N, C-alpha and C. Protein backbone atom coordinates (compact mmCIF):
# COMPACT_ATOMS: atom_id res chain seq x y z
N UNK A 1 2.83 13.26 -8.41
CA UNK A 1 3.91 13.78 -7.51
C UNK A 1 3.63 15.34 -7.32
N UNK A 2 3.62 15.82 -6.19
CA UNK A 2 3.44 17.24 -5.87
C UNK A 2 4.58 17.77 -5.15
N UNK A 3 4.84 19.04 -5.36
CA UNK A 3 5.90 19.85 -4.60
C UNK A 3 5.15 20.78 -3.75
N UNK A 4 5.35 20.66 -2.43
CA UNK A 4 4.77 21.48 -1.35
C UNK A 4 5.80 22.37 -0.81
N UNK A 5 5.55 23.69 -0.68
CA UNK A 5 6.29 24.67 0.00
C UNK A 5 5.62 25.01 1.28
N UNK A 6 6.12 24.65 2.48
CA UNK A 6 5.53 24.91 3.67
C UNK A 6 6.30 26.03 4.57
N UNK A 7 5.58 27.07 4.60
CA UNK A 7 6.19 28.28 5.44
C UNK A 7 4.99 29.30 5.70
N UNK A 8 5.10 29.92 6.86
CA UNK A 8 4.17 30.96 7.18
C UNK A 8 4.88 32.18 7.02
N UNK A 9 6.04 32.30 6.58
CA UNK A 9 6.82 33.49 6.49
C UNK A 9 6.77 34.16 5.13
N UNK A 10 6.34 35.35 4.97
CA UNK A 10 6.33 36.01 3.70
C UNK A 10 7.59 36.19 2.99
N UNK A 11 8.68 36.52 3.76
CA UNK A 11 9.98 36.64 3.23
C UNK A 11 10.46 35.28 2.60
N UNK A 12 10.18 34.25 3.14
CA UNK A 12 10.62 32.96 2.60
C UNK A 12 9.75 32.74 1.24
N UNK A 13 8.60 32.94 1.16
CA UNK A 13 7.73 32.81 0.10
C UNK A 13 8.28 33.74 -1.12
N UNK A 14 8.62 34.97 -0.84
CA UNK A 14 9.20 35.85 -1.82
C UNK A 14 10.51 35.47 -2.33
N UNK A 15 11.34 34.84 -1.39
CA UNK A 15 12.63 34.34 -1.69
C UNK A 15 12.46 33.20 -2.68
N UNK A 16 11.56 32.30 -2.45
CA UNK A 16 11.33 31.15 -3.34
C UNK A 16 10.98 31.60 -4.72
N UNK A 17 10.07 32.64 -4.86
CA UNK A 17 9.64 33.19 -6.15
C UNK A 17 10.73 33.88 -6.84
N UNK A 18 11.53 34.77 -6.13
CA UNK A 18 12.57 35.34 -6.74
C UNK A 18 13.65 34.42 -7.28
N UNK A 19 13.78 33.38 -6.71
CA UNK A 19 14.82 32.39 -7.13
C UNK A 19 14.23 31.31 -8.03
N UNK A 20 13.08 31.48 -8.42
CA UNK A 20 12.44 30.58 -9.50
C UNK A 20 12.18 29.05 -9.00
N UNK A 21 12.06 28.91 -7.68
CA UNK A 21 11.89 27.59 -7.22
C UNK A 21 10.41 27.24 -7.46
N UNK A 22 10.22 26.22 -8.27
CA UNK A 22 8.83 25.89 -8.67
C UNK A 22 8.27 24.97 -7.42
N UNK A 23 6.93 25.20 -7.19
CA UNK A 23 6.17 24.33 -6.30
C UNK A 23 4.75 24.40 -6.72
N UNK A 24 4.01 23.42 -6.35
CA UNK A 24 2.62 23.24 -6.73
C UNK A 24 1.68 23.94 -5.78
N UNK A 25 2.09 23.91 -4.44
CA UNK A 25 1.25 24.33 -3.37
C UNK A 25 2.01 24.95 -2.26
N UNK A 26 1.54 26.13 -1.84
CA UNK A 26 2.15 26.70 -0.66
C UNK A 26 1.18 26.64 0.47
N UNK A 27 1.76 26.04 1.52
CA UNK A 27 0.99 25.79 2.79
C UNK A 27 1.58 26.54 4.08
N UNK A 28 0.77 27.10 4.92
CA UNK A 28 1.41 27.65 6.14
C UNK A 28 1.70 26.62 7.07
N UNK A 29 1.08 25.45 7.03
CA UNK A 29 1.50 24.37 7.95
C UNK A 29 1.24 23.04 7.14
N UNK A 30 2.09 22.03 7.49
CA UNK A 30 2.01 20.77 6.86
C UNK A 30 0.98 19.84 7.45
N UNK A 31 0.10 19.29 6.49
CA UNK A 31 -0.80 18.28 6.87
C UNK A 31 -0.15 16.95 6.36
N UNK A 32 0.48 16.21 7.19
CA UNK A 32 1.35 15.10 6.85
C UNK A 32 0.46 13.99 6.17
N UNK A 33 -0.82 13.89 6.56
CA UNK A 33 -1.68 12.88 5.78
C UNK A 33 -1.79 13.05 4.28
N UNK A 34 -1.48 14.30 3.83
CA UNK A 34 -1.58 14.59 2.36
C UNK A 34 -0.36 14.27 1.63
N UNK A 35 0.74 13.87 2.31
CA UNK A 35 1.99 13.59 1.62
C UNK A 35 2.00 12.20 1.10
N UNK A 36 2.52 12.01 -0.11
CA UNK A 36 2.53 10.78 -0.69
C UNK A 36 3.95 10.38 -1.22
N UNK A 37 4.24 9.16 -1.43
CA UNK A 37 5.50 8.75 -1.94
C UNK A 37 5.72 9.47 -3.24
N UNK A 38 7.00 10.01 -3.45
CA UNK A 38 7.34 10.81 -4.67
C UNK A 38 7.14 12.27 -4.51
N UNK A 39 6.35 12.78 -3.58
CA UNK A 39 6.19 14.16 -3.28
C UNK A 39 7.48 14.70 -2.86
N UNK A 40 7.57 16.09 -2.95
CA UNK A 40 8.65 16.79 -2.44
C UNK A 40 8.08 17.91 -1.48
N UNK A 41 8.68 17.92 -0.29
CA UNK A 41 8.35 18.94 0.72
C UNK A 41 9.54 19.90 0.98
N UNK A 42 9.23 21.21 0.77
CA UNK A 42 10.29 22.24 1.01
C UNK A 42 9.85 23.02 2.18
N UNK A 43 10.75 23.33 3.08
CA UNK A 43 10.47 24.26 4.17
C UNK A 43 11.51 24.08 5.28
N UNK A 44 11.13 24.46 6.48
CA UNK A 44 11.92 24.40 7.59
C UNK A 44 11.20 23.65 8.84
N UNK A 45 11.00 22.43 8.51
CA UNK A 45 10.15 21.53 9.39
C UNK A 45 10.89 21.11 10.69
N UNK A 46 10.15 20.88 11.66
CA UNK A 46 10.75 20.21 12.88
C UNK A 46 11.20 18.83 12.48
N UNK A 47 12.27 18.31 13.11
CA UNK A 47 12.88 17.09 12.74
C UNK A 47 11.90 15.90 12.78
N UNK A 48 10.92 15.93 13.71
CA UNK A 48 9.96 14.79 13.67
C UNK A 48 8.99 14.76 12.38
N UNK A 49 8.61 16.02 12.00
CA UNK A 49 7.78 16.02 10.75
C UNK A 49 8.66 15.67 9.51
N UNK A 50 9.89 16.24 9.57
CA UNK A 50 10.87 15.80 8.36
C UNK A 50 11.06 14.26 8.26
N UNK A 51 11.05 13.68 9.43
CA UNK A 51 11.15 12.22 9.51
C UNK A 51 9.88 11.48 8.97
N UNK A 52 8.76 12.06 9.26
CA UNK A 52 7.46 11.60 8.73
C UNK A 52 7.33 11.67 7.23
N UNK A 53 7.84 12.73 6.74
CA UNK A 53 7.97 13.05 5.27
C UNK A 53 8.71 11.99 4.62
N UNK A 54 9.92 11.67 5.26
CA UNK A 54 10.89 10.69 4.64
C UNK A 54 10.27 9.32 4.73
N UNK A 55 9.59 9.01 5.83
CA UNK A 55 8.84 7.66 6.02
C UNK A 55 7.85 7.39 5.09
N UNK A 56 7.19 8.41 4.59
CA UNK A 56 6.08 8.33 3.58
C UNK A 56 6.72 8.21 2.10
N UNK A 57 8.00 8.12 1.98
CA UNK A 57 8.63 8.01 0.58
C UNK A 57 8.77 9.29 -0.06
N UNK A 58 8.60 10.47 0.56
CA UNK A 58 8.81 11.78 -0.14
C UNK A 58 10.08 12.30 0.22
N UNK A 59 10.52 13.31 -0.61
CA UNK A 59 11.72 14.06 -0.42
C UNK A 59 11.53 15.19 0.34
N UNK A 60 12.50 15.54 1.24
CA UNK A 60 12.41 16.75 2.21
C UNK A 60 13.71 17.59 1.73
N UNK A 61 13.28 18.89 1.47
CA UNK A 61 14.40 19.87 1.18
C UNK A 61 14.24 21.05 2.26
N UNK A 62 15.28 21.14 3.01
CA UNK A 62 15.18 22.15 4.11
C UNK A 62 15.69 23.58 3.60
N UNK A 63 14.94 24.55 3.98
CA UNK A 63 15.42 25.92 3.64
C UNK A 63 16.34 26.26 4.80
N UNK A 64 17.75 26.19 4.44
CA UNK A 64 18.70 26.36 5.39
C UNK A 64 19.23 27.77 5.44
N UNK A 65 19.55 28.35 6.51
CA UNK A 65 20.13 29.75 6.73
C UNK A 65 21.17 29.75 7.66
N UNK A 66 22.03 30.68 7.45
CA UNK A 66 23.16 30.98 8.49
C UNK A 66 22.76 32.35 9.20
N UNK A 67 21.75 32.23 10.10
CA UNK A 67 21.17 33.41 10.65
C UNK A 67 22.10 33.92 11.86
N UNK A 68 22.22 35.25 11.88
CA UNK A 68 23.02 35.76 13.07
C UNK A 68 22.10 35.76 14.27
N UNK A 69 22.66 35.54 15.52
CA UNK A 69 21.80 35.39 16.64
C UNK A 69 20.92 36.55 16.86
N UNK A 70 21.27 37.77 16.58
CA UNK A 70 20.38 38.87 16.85
C UNK A 70 19.24 38.87 15.89
N UNK A 71 19.21 38.11 14.88
CA UNK A 71 18.11 38.15 13.90
C UNK A 71 17.21 36.86 14.01
N UNK A 72 17.51 35.98 14.95
CA UNK A 72 16.74 34.86 15.19
C UNK A 72 15.40 35.19 15.88
N UNK A 73 14.37 34.48 15.48
CA UNK A 73 13.10 34.86 16.15
C UNK A 73 12.26 35.96 15.59
N UNK A 74 12.70 36.54 14.47
CA UNK A 74 11.94 37.68 13.80
C UNK A 74 11.71 37.30 12.39
N UNK A 75 10.78 37.94 11.85
CA UNK A 75 10.61 37.76 10.28
C UNK A 75 11.75 38.29 9.53
N UNK A 76 12.15 37.55 8.46
CA UNK A 76 13.20 38.01 7.68
C UNK A 76 12.69 38.25 6.23
N UNK A 77 13.25 39.22 5.58
CA UNK A 77 12.85 39.55 4.27
C UNK A 77 13.58 38.67 3.25
N UNK A 78 13.18 38.66 2.02
CA UNK A 78 13.83 37.88 0.96
C UNK A 78 15.28 38.35 0.83
N UNK A 79 15.59 39.65 0.91
CA UNK A 79 16.97 40.16 0.89
C UNK A 79 17.73 39.58 2.02
N UNK A 80 17.17 39.50 3.20
CA UNK A 80 17.93 38.99 4.39
C UNK A 80 18.14 37.52 4.23
N UNK A 81 17.25 36.78 3.66
CA UNK A 81 17.55 35.40 3.36
C UNK A 81 18.67 35.15 2.51
N UNK A 82 18.80 36.03 1.46
CA UNK A 82 20.11 36.09 0.49
C UNK A 82 21.29 36.29 1.31
N UNK A 83 21.21 37.40 2.21
CA UNK A 83 22.43 37.67 2.89
C UNK A 83 22.77 36.58 3.91
N UNK A 84 21.83 35.79 4.41
CA UNK A 84 22.18 34.77 5.27
C UNK A 84 22.29 33.38 4.56
N UNK A 85 22.63 33.52 3.18
CA UNK A 85 22.97 32.40 2.43
C UNK A 85 21.95 31.23 2.47
N UNK A 86 20.66 31.54 2.17
CA UNK A 86 19.62 30.71 2.08
C UNK A 86 19.87 29.60 0.92
N UNK A 87 19.68 28.40 1.25
CA UNK A 87 19.86 27.35 0.27
C UNK A 87 18.77 26.19 0.54
N UNK A 88 18.48 25.50 -0.48
CA UNK A 88 17.62 24.34 -0.25
C UNK A 88 18.49 23.06 -0.15
N UNK A 89 18.54 22.35 0.94
CA UNK A 89 19.40 21.22 1.09
C UNK A 89 18.43 19.95 1.40
N UNK A 90 18.73 18.95 0.59
CA UNK A 90 17.96 17.69 0.82
C UNK A 90 18.47 16.94 2.01
N UNK A 91 17.53 16.52 2.85
CA UNK A 91 17.85 15.69 3.99
C UNK A 91 17.06 14.58 3.95
N UNK A 92 17.66 13.30 4.32
CA UNK A 92 16.92 12.03 4.55
C UNK A 92 16.96 11.83 6.05
N UNK A 93 15.85 12.03 6.69
CA UNK A 93 15.63 12.01 8.06
C UNK A 93 14.75 10.89 8.46
N UNK A 94 15.32 10.07 9.47
CA UNK A 94 14.38 8.93 9.91
C UNK A 94 14.56 8.85 11.51
N UNK A 95 13.45 8.36 12.06
CA UNK A 95 13.48 8.18 13.45
C UNK A 95 14.19 6.89 13.79
N UNK A 96 15.02 6.94 14.84
CA UNK A 96 15.66 5.64 15.25
C UNK A 96 14.62 4.97 16.21
N UNK A 97 14.72 3.58 16.17
CA UNK A 97 13.63 2.94 16.96
C UNK A 97 14.08 2.93 18.49
N UNK A 98 15.33 3.37 18.78
CA UNK A 98 15.78 3.47 20.11
C UNK A 98 15.31 4.77 20.73
N UNK A 99 14.20 4.77 21.28
CA UNK A 99 13.59 5.96 21.94
C UNK A 99 13.16 5.70 23.36
N UNK A 100 12.92 6.66 24.16
CA UNK A 100 12.52 6.44 25.55
C UNK A 100 11.60 7.60 25.89
N UNK A 101 10.89 7.25 26.85
CA UNK A 101 9.89 8.23 27.37
C UNK A 101 10.49 8.92 28.57
N UNK A 102 10.31 10.30 28.62
CA UNK A 102 10.94 11.03 29.55
C UNK A 102 10.06 10.85 30.89
N UNK A 103 10.71 10.34 31.94
CA UNK A 103 10.00 10.05 33.14
C UNK A 103 10.75 10.61 34.33
N UNK A 104 11.80 11.36 34.09
CA UNK A 104 12.64 11.87 35.23
C UNK A 104 13.72 10.88 35.52
N UNK A 105 13.78 9.82 34.84
CA UNK A 105 14.82 8.82 35.10
C UNK A 105 15.87 8.86 33.94
N UNK A 106 17.06 8.53 34.16
CA UNK A 106 18.03 8.53 33.20
C UNK A 106 17.71 7.31 32.19
N UNK A 107 17.96 7.50 30.88
CA UNK A 107 17.66 6.45 29.95
C UNK A 107 18.62 5.26 30.10
């Protein structure tokens, strides 16, 4: 069982280290094929990837922030992550079988 930290943001990596969060491997992008049951993935993944992590029997912990609108879309430092109350929250995400293809028609 491995713990993966997935982020391309230097401030997030520094925040993890400062807070003593242990992980086995830091990756800038997730290769879902490498995830096994019992693994843990930490990061800010798109919901479809978080669902794939969960479907593989792994745990997903989301790096959650309360970011001010003016600071969205830019790199944040570890100090700013603290200011924006960064936490690691576990989410169990699954895709619902009721999906539809966008064709310009109402579902």
